[in-house]
Every structure is written in C-alpha cells, then in structure tokens.
Amino acid sequence: MPQIQTNKQPLTQITIVESEPEKQAEALRVMTERARFMARQPGFISISLHRSLDGRRIVNYVQWENRDLLRSAHQSPEFRKQWNDFDKLTDEIDPHLYEVSEIMDAEQ
C-alpha cells in the first residue's frame, strides 16, 4: 500500500510512459510483470500502476526505502532483461524522483 505522508517519506519515483492506445494493454502487462519482480527486491514498499482512459499513458508510482536500493533493483540483470523489448511498446518513458510537499483529505 502506498505510504503518502510529509514526514519520514520513502523515496518516490513517478514514471509517465506514453504509448499508442493499441499498445497500452501490452505495455501495462509488461509493467505488471516487472512490478512483480520489483516487489521481491530489497527496499520495496509499493508500486501502483495507473492507465489513462485515452489509452496513451501509464503512470507508474513507485515507493522504495532509499535511492541506492531502487537503483540496485533497476540495475539487476533480470530487470534489464525484462525491460529490453519495452521500447517497442512505448513512445516515451519519463521517470523522476519526488517528495510529498502537501497532503489534503476530505476532512480538511
């Protein structure tokens, strides 16, 4: 489960993946397989995959204990092997690290 809080934040990486609508389902399938692999890696907290209703984007919301453990998971040979053909399904992959700056809920 994602942990969204302003204190004691985990490392958060949000990646926006763009693809053609006819490739979104396959790209999401590959990303789901990768997420299962990542869930077994040291430092893993959560991964949430979101698909746009227009079929053009997938947002990957990843939380990890720290940057070094996330980097290590991304550099593993098994992860790299699963990632090789992903470029054929996507137009652009845009990952960035974030921190929570504000939280509001229905009670506020």
N, C-alpha and C. Protein backbone atom coordinates (compact mmCIF):
# COMPACT_ATOMS: atom_id res chain seq x y z
N MET A 1 0.85 -1.17 0.00
CA MET A 1 0.00 0.00 0.00
C MET A 1 0.90 1.24 0.00
N PRO A 2 0.62 2.20 -0.87
CA PRO A 2 1.42 3.43 -0.87
C PRO A 2 1.38 4.13 0.48
N GLN A 3 2.50 4.73 0.84
CA GLN A 3 2.61 5.50 2.08
C GLN A 3 2.82 6.95 1.69
N ILE A 4 1.77 7.75 1.81
CA ILE A 4 1.87 9.15 1.41
C ILE A 4 1.77 10.00 2.67
N GLN A 5 2.91 10.60 3.04
CA GLN A 5 2.99 11.43 4.23
C GLN A 5 4.12 12.43 4.04
N THR A 6 4.09 13.50 4.79
CA THR A 6 5.13 14.52 4.64
C THR A 6 6.33 14.27 5.55
N ASN A 7 6.18 13.48 6.59
CA ASN A 7 7.32 13.16 7.46
C ASN A 7 7.72 11.70 7.23
N LYS A 8 8.99 11.39 7.42
CA LYS A 8 9.50 10.03 7.20
C LYS A 8 9.10 9.48 5.84
N GLN A 9 9.37 10.25 4.80
CA GLN A 9 8.97 9.86 3.46
C GLN A 9 9.85 8.76 2.89
N PRO A 10 9.23 7.79 2.22
CA PRO A 10 10.05 6.88 1.42
C PRO A 10 10.45 7.60 0.13
N LEU A 11 11.37 7.02 -0.60
CA LEU A 11 11.72 7.54 -1.92
C LEU A 11 10.56 7.25 -2.87
N THR A 12 10.15 8.25 -3.62
CA THR A 12 9.05 8.08 -4.58
C THR A 12 9.55 8.39 -5.98
N GLN A 13 9.32 7.45 -6.89
CA GLN A 13 9.61 7.67 -8.30
C GLN A 13 8.29 7.58 -9.06
N ILE A 14 8.01 8.59 -9.84
CA ILE A 14 6.82 8.58 -10.70
C ILE A 14 7.32 8.58 -12.13
N THR A 15 6.88 7.57 -12.89
CA THR A 15 7.28 7.45 -14.29
C THR A 15 6.04 7.53 -15.16
N ILE A 16 6.09 8.40 -16.14
CA ILE A 16 5.00 8.50 -17.11
C ILE A 16 5.47 7.83 -18.39
N VAL A 17 4.72 6.84 -18.82
CA VAL A 17 5.03 6.09 -20.03
C VAL A 17 3.98 6.43 -21.07
N GLU A 18 4.41 6.85 -22.23
CA GLU A 18 3.48 7.16 -23.31
C GLU A 18 3.56 6.08 -24.38
N SER A 19 2.38 5.70 -24.88
CA SER A 19 2.31 4.69 -25.94
C SER A 19 1.07 4.94 -26.78
N GLU A 20 0.99 4.24 -27.89
CA GLU A 20 -0.21 4.30 -28.72
C GLU A 20 -1.32 3.51 -28.02
N PRO A 21 -2.57 3.94 -28.18
CA PRO A 21 -3.67 3.26 -27.49
C PRO A 21 -3.72 1.74 -27.74
N GLU A 22 -3.38 1.31 -28.94
CA GLU A 22 -3.42 -0.13 -29.23
C GLU A 22 -2.29 -0.91 -28.56
N LYS A 23 -1.31 -0.21 -28.00
CA LYS A 23 -0.19 -0.87 -27.32
C LYS A 23 -0.27 -0.74 -25.80
N GLN A 24 -1.23 0.04 -25.29
CA GLN A 24 -1.29 0.29 -23.85
C GLN A 24 -1.47 -1.00 -23.05
N ALA A 25 -2.36 -1.87 -23.45
CA ALA A 25 -2.63 -3.10 -22.70
C ALA A 25 -1.37 -3.97 -22.61
N GLU A 26 -0.64 -4.11 -23.70
CA GLU A 26 0.58 -4.91 -23.69
C GLU A 26 1.66 -4.24 -22.84
N ALA A 27 1.80 -2.93 -22.95
CA ALA A 27 2.77 -2.21 -22.13
C ALA A 27 2.43 -2.38 -20.65
N LEU A 28 1.16 -2.30 -20.31
CA LEU A 28 0.74 -2.48 -18.92
C LEU A 28 1.01 -3.90 -18.44
N ARG A 29 0.83 -4.89 -19.32
CA ARG A 29 1.13 -6.28 -18.96
C ARG A 29 2.61 -6.45 -18.62
N VAL A 30 3.47 -5.87 -19.45
CA VAL A 30 4.92 -5.96 -19.20
C VAL A 30 5.27 -5.24 -17.90
N MET A 31 4.69 -4.08 -17.68
CA MET A 31 4.97 -3.32 -16.46
C MET A 31 4.48 -4.07 -15.22
N THR A 32 3.38 -4.79 -15.34
CA THR A 32 2.88 -5.59 -14.22
C THR A 32 3.83 -6.74 -13.91
N GLU A 33 4.35 -7.39 -14.93
CA GLU A 33 5.36 -8.45 -14.72
C GLU A 33 6.58 -7.88 -14.01
N ARG A 34 7.05 -6.74 -14.48
CA ARG A 34 8.21 -6.09 -13.85
C ARG A 34 7.90 -5.72 -12.40
N ALA A 35 6.69 -5.25 -12.15
CA ALA A 35 6.31 -4.86 -10.79
C ALA A 35 6.37 -6.07 -9.86
N ARG A 36 5.97 -7.23 -10.34
CA ARG A 36 6.05 -8.46 -9.52
C ARG A 36 7.51 -8.77 -9.16
N PHE A 37 8.41 -8.58 -10.12
CA PHE A 37 9.83 -8.78 -9.86
C PHE A 37 10.32 -7.77 -8.83
N MET A 38 9.98 -6.51 -9.04
CA MET A 38 10.45 -5.44 -8.15
C MET A 38 9.93 -5.65 -6.72
N ALA A 39 8.74 -6.19 -6.58
CA ALA A 39 8.15 -6.40 -5.26
C ALA A 39 8.98 -7.36 -4.40
N ARG A 40 9.83 -8.15 -5.03
CA ARG A 40 10.68 -9.10 -4.30
C ARG A 40 12.07 -8.54 -3.98
N GLN A 41 12.34 -7.31 -4.40
CA GLN A 41 13.67 -6.72 -4.23
C GLN A 41 13.80 -5.99 -2.89
N PRO A 42 15.03 -5.95 -2.34
CA PRO A 42 15.26 -5.25 -1.07
C PRO A 42 14.86 -3.77 -1.17
N GLY A 43 14.17 -3.30 -0.15
CA GLY A 43 13.79 -1.90 -0.08
C GLY A 43 12.43 -1.58 -0.67
N PHE A 44 11.80 -2.55 -1.32
CA PHE A 44 10.50 -2.32 -1.95
C PHE A 44 9.44 -1.95 -0.91
N ILE A 45 8.62 -0.94 -1.24
CA ILE A 45 7.47 -0.59 -0.41
C ILE A 45 6.19 -0.80 -1.21
N SER A 46 6.07 -0.16 -2.38
CA SER A 46 4.85 -0.33 -3.17
C SER A 46 5.06 0.12 -4.61
N ILE A 47 4.21 -0.41 -5.48
CA ILE A 47 4.11 0.05 -6.86
C ILE A 47 2.63 0.14 -7.18
N SER A 48 2.24 1.26 -7.77
CA SER A 48 0.86 1.46 -8.24
C SER A 48 0.92 1.82 -9.71
N LEU A 49 0.18 1.09 -10.54
CA LEU A 49 0.13 1.37 -11.97
C LEU A 49 -1.22 1.98 -12.29
N HIS A 50 -1.20 3.06 -13.06
CA HIS A 50 -2.43 3.76 -13.46
C HIS A 50 -2.41 3.87 -14.97
N ARG A 51 -3.55 3.59 -15.61
CA ARG A 51 -3.62 3.76 -17.06
C ARG A 51 -4.61 4.88 -17.38
N SER A 52 -4.26 5.67 -18.38
CA SER A 52 -5.14 6.77 -18.77
C SER A 52 -6.32 6.22 -19.56
N LEU A 53 -7.43 6.88 -19.46
CA LEU A 53 -8.63 6.44 -20.15
C LEU A 53 -8.55 6.64 -21.66
N ASP A 54 -7.66 7.51 -22.11
CA ASP A 54 -7.49 7.69 -23.55
C ASP A 54 -6.53 6.68 -24.16
N GLY A 55 -5.94 5.81 -23.32
CA GLY A 55 -5.06 4.75 -23.82
C GLY A 55 -3.65 5.19 -24.15
N ARG A 56 -3.29 6.42 -23.86
CA ARG A 56 -1.99 6.95 -24.28
C ARG A 56 -0.91 6.98 -23.20
N ARG A 57 -1.28 6.81 -21.95
CA ARG A 57 -0.30 6.91 -20.87
C ARG A 57 -0.51 5.85 -19.81
N ILE A 58 0.62 5.50 -19.19
CA ILE A 58 0.62 4.68 -17.97
C ILE A 58 1.47 5.44 -16.97
N VAL A 59 0.97 5.58 -15.75
CA VAL A 59 1.74 6.22 -14.69
C VAL A 59 2.13 5.14 -13.70
N ASN A 60 3.41 5.07 -13.42
CA ASN A 60 3.97 4.09 -12.50
C ASN A 60 4.43 4.85 -11.25
N TYR A 61 3.77 4.59 -10.13
CA TYR A 61 4.07 5.27 -8.86
C TYR A 61 4.78 4.26 -7.97
N VAL A 62 6.08 4.46 -7.77
CA VAL A 62 6.93 3.50 -7.06
C VAL A 62 7.42 4.12 -5.75
N GLN A 63 7.37 3.34 -4.68
CA GLN A 63 7.95 3.78 -3.41
C GLN A 63 8.98 2.75 -2.94
N TRP A 64 10.12 3.30 -2.52
CA TRP A 64 11.25 2.46 -2.12
C TRP A 64 11.84 3.03 -0.84
N GLU A 65 12.55 2.20 -0.09
CA GLU A 65 13.16 2.67 1.16
C GLU A 65 14.19 3.76 0.92
N ASN A 66 15.01 3.61 -0.14
CA ASN A 66 16.00 4.63 -0.43
C ASN A 66 16.48 4.52 -1.88
N ARG A 67 17.19 5.54 -2.31
CA ARG A 67 17.64 5.65 -3.70
C ARG A 67 18.60 4.53 -4.10
N ASP A 68 19.53 4.17 -3.22
CA ASP A 68 20.51 3.13 -3.56
C ASP A 68 19.86 1.78 -3.80
N LEU A 69 18.87 1.41 -2.98
CA LEU A 69 18.19 0.13 -3.17
C LEU A 69 17.34 0.13 -4.43
N LEU A 70 16.71 1.25 -4.75
CA LEU A 70 15.95 1.34 -6.00
C LEU A 70 16.89 1.24 -7.20
N ARG A 71 17.99 1.93 -7.16
CA ARG A 71 18.98 1.88 -8.24
C ARG A 71 19.48 0.44 -8.44
N SER A 72 19.76 -0.23 -7.34
CA SER A 72 20.23 -1.61 -7.41
C SER A 72 19.19 -2.52 -8.07
N ALA A 73 17.94 -2.35 -7.73
CA ALA A 73 16.87 -3.16 -8.35
C ALA A 73 16.78 -2.87 -9.84
N HIS A 74 16.88 -1.60 -10.23
CA HIS A 74 16.81 -1.23 -11.65
C HIS A 74 18.01 -1.77 -12.43
N GLN A 75 19.15 -1.93 -11.78
CA GLN A 75 20.35 -2.38 -12.48
C GLN A 75 20.52 -3.90 -12.49
N SER A 76 19.62 -4.62 -11.86
CA SER A 76 19.76 -6.08 -11.83
C SER A 76 19.60 -6.65 -13.24
N PRO A 77 20.34 -7.72 -13.56
CA PRO A 77 20.25 -8.32 -14.90
C PRO A 77 18.83 -8.80 -15.24
N GLU A 78 18.12 -9.34 -14.28
CA GLU A 78 16.75 -9.83 -14.55
C GLU A 78 15.83 -8.68 -14.94
N PHE A 79 15.94 -7.56 -14.23
CA PHE A 79 15.12 -6.39 -14.57
C PHE A 79 15.46 -5.89 -15.96
N ARG A 80 16.75 -5.77 -16.25
CA ARG A 80 17.20 -5.28 -17.56
C ARG A 80 16.71 -6.18 -18.69
N LYS A 81 16.74 -7.49 -18.47
CA LYS A 81 16.28 -8.45 -19.49
C LYS A 81 14.80 -8.23 -19.79
N GLN A 82 13.98 -8.04 -18.76
CA GLN A 82 12.55 -7.83 -18.96
C GLN A 82 12.27 -6.47 -19.61
N TRP A 83 13.17 -5.52 -19.47
CA TRP A 83 12.95 -4.16 -19.95
C TRP A 83 13.35 -3.99 -21.41
N ASN A 84 14.17 -4.90 -21.96
CA ASN A 84 14.74 -4.73 -23.31
C ASN A 84 13.72 -4.46 -24.40
N ASP A 85 12.65 -5.21 -24.48
CA ASP A 85 11.68 -5.06 -25.56
C ASP A 85 10.61 -4.01 -25.27
N PHE A 86 10.67 -3.40 -24.11
CA PHE A 86 9.63 -2.45 -23.72
C PHE A 86 9.61 -1.22 -24.64
N ASP A 87 10.76 -0.85 -25.18
CA ASP A 87 10.84 0.32 -26.07
C ASP A 87 9.94 0.18 -27.30
N LYS A 88 9.69 -1.06 -27.72
CA LYS A 88 8.83 -1.29 -28.88
C LYS A 88 7.36 -0.95 -28.58
N LEU A 89 7.01 -0.92 -27.31
CA LEU A 89 5.62 -0.67 -26.90
C LEU A 89 5.38 0.78 -26.50
N THR A 90 6.45 1.57 -26.40
CA THR A 90 6.30 2.91 -25.86
C THR A 90 6.87 3.96 -26.80
N ASP A 91 6.37 5.18 -26.64
CA ASP A 91 6.90 6.31 -27.38
C ASP A 91 7.90 7.09 -26.52
N GLU A 92 7.60 7.18 -25.22
CA GLU A 92 8.46 7.93 -24.30
C GLU A 92 8.31 7.38 -22.88
N ILE A 93 9.43 7.35 -22.16
CA ILE A 93 9.46 6.94 -20.76
C ILE A 93 10.11 8.08 -19.98
N ASP A 94 9.39 8.63 -19.00
CA ASP A 94 9.85 9.83 -18.31
C ASP A 94 9.81 9.62 -16.78
N PRO A 95 10.91 9.08 -16.19
CA PRO A 95 10.95 8.87 -14.74
C PRO A 95 11.57 10.05 -13.99
N HIS A 96 11.02 10.36 -12.80
CA HIS A 96 11.58 11.40 -11.94
C HIS A 96 11.34 11.03 -10.48
N LEU A 97 12.23 11.50 -9.60
CA LEU A 97 12.07 11.30 -8.16
C LEU A 97 11.31 12.48 -7.57
N TYR A 98 10.46 12.20 -6.57
CA TYR A 98 9.61 13.22 -5.97
C TYR A 98 9.61 13.10 -4.46
N GLU A 99 9.19 14.18 -3.80
CA GLU A 99 8.89 14.14 -2.38
C GLU A 99 7.52 14.77 -2.17
N VAL A 100 6.82 14.32 -1.16
CA VAL A 100 5.48 14.86 -0.85
C VAL A 100 5.66 16.23 -0.23
N SER A 101 4.94 17.22 -0.73
CA SER A 101 5.04 18.56 -0.17
C SER A 101 3.78 18.97 0.58
N GLU A 102 2.66 18.37 0.28
CA GLU A 102 1.41 18.72 0.95
C GLU A 102 0.42 17.57 0.81
N ILE A 103 -0.37 17.34 1.84
CA ILE A 103 -1.41 16.31 1.81
C ILE A 103 -2.71 16.93 2.30
N MET A 104 -3.78 16.69 1.58
CA MET A 104 -5.11 17.12 2.00
C MET A 104 -6.05 15.94 1.81
N ASP A 105 -7.01 15.81 2.69
CA ASP A 105 -8.02 14.79 2.52
C ASP A 105 -9.40 15.40 2.76
N ALA A 106 -10.43 14.60 2.70
CA ALA A 106 -11.80 15.11 2.77
C ALA A 106 -12.11 15.80 4.09
N GLU A 107 -11.38 15.50 5.13
CA GLU A 107 -11.64 16.09 6.44
C GLU A 107 -11.07 17.49 6.57
N GLN A 108 -10.19 17.92 5.68
CA GLN A 108 -9.52 19.23 5.82
C GLN A 108 -10.25 20.32 5.12
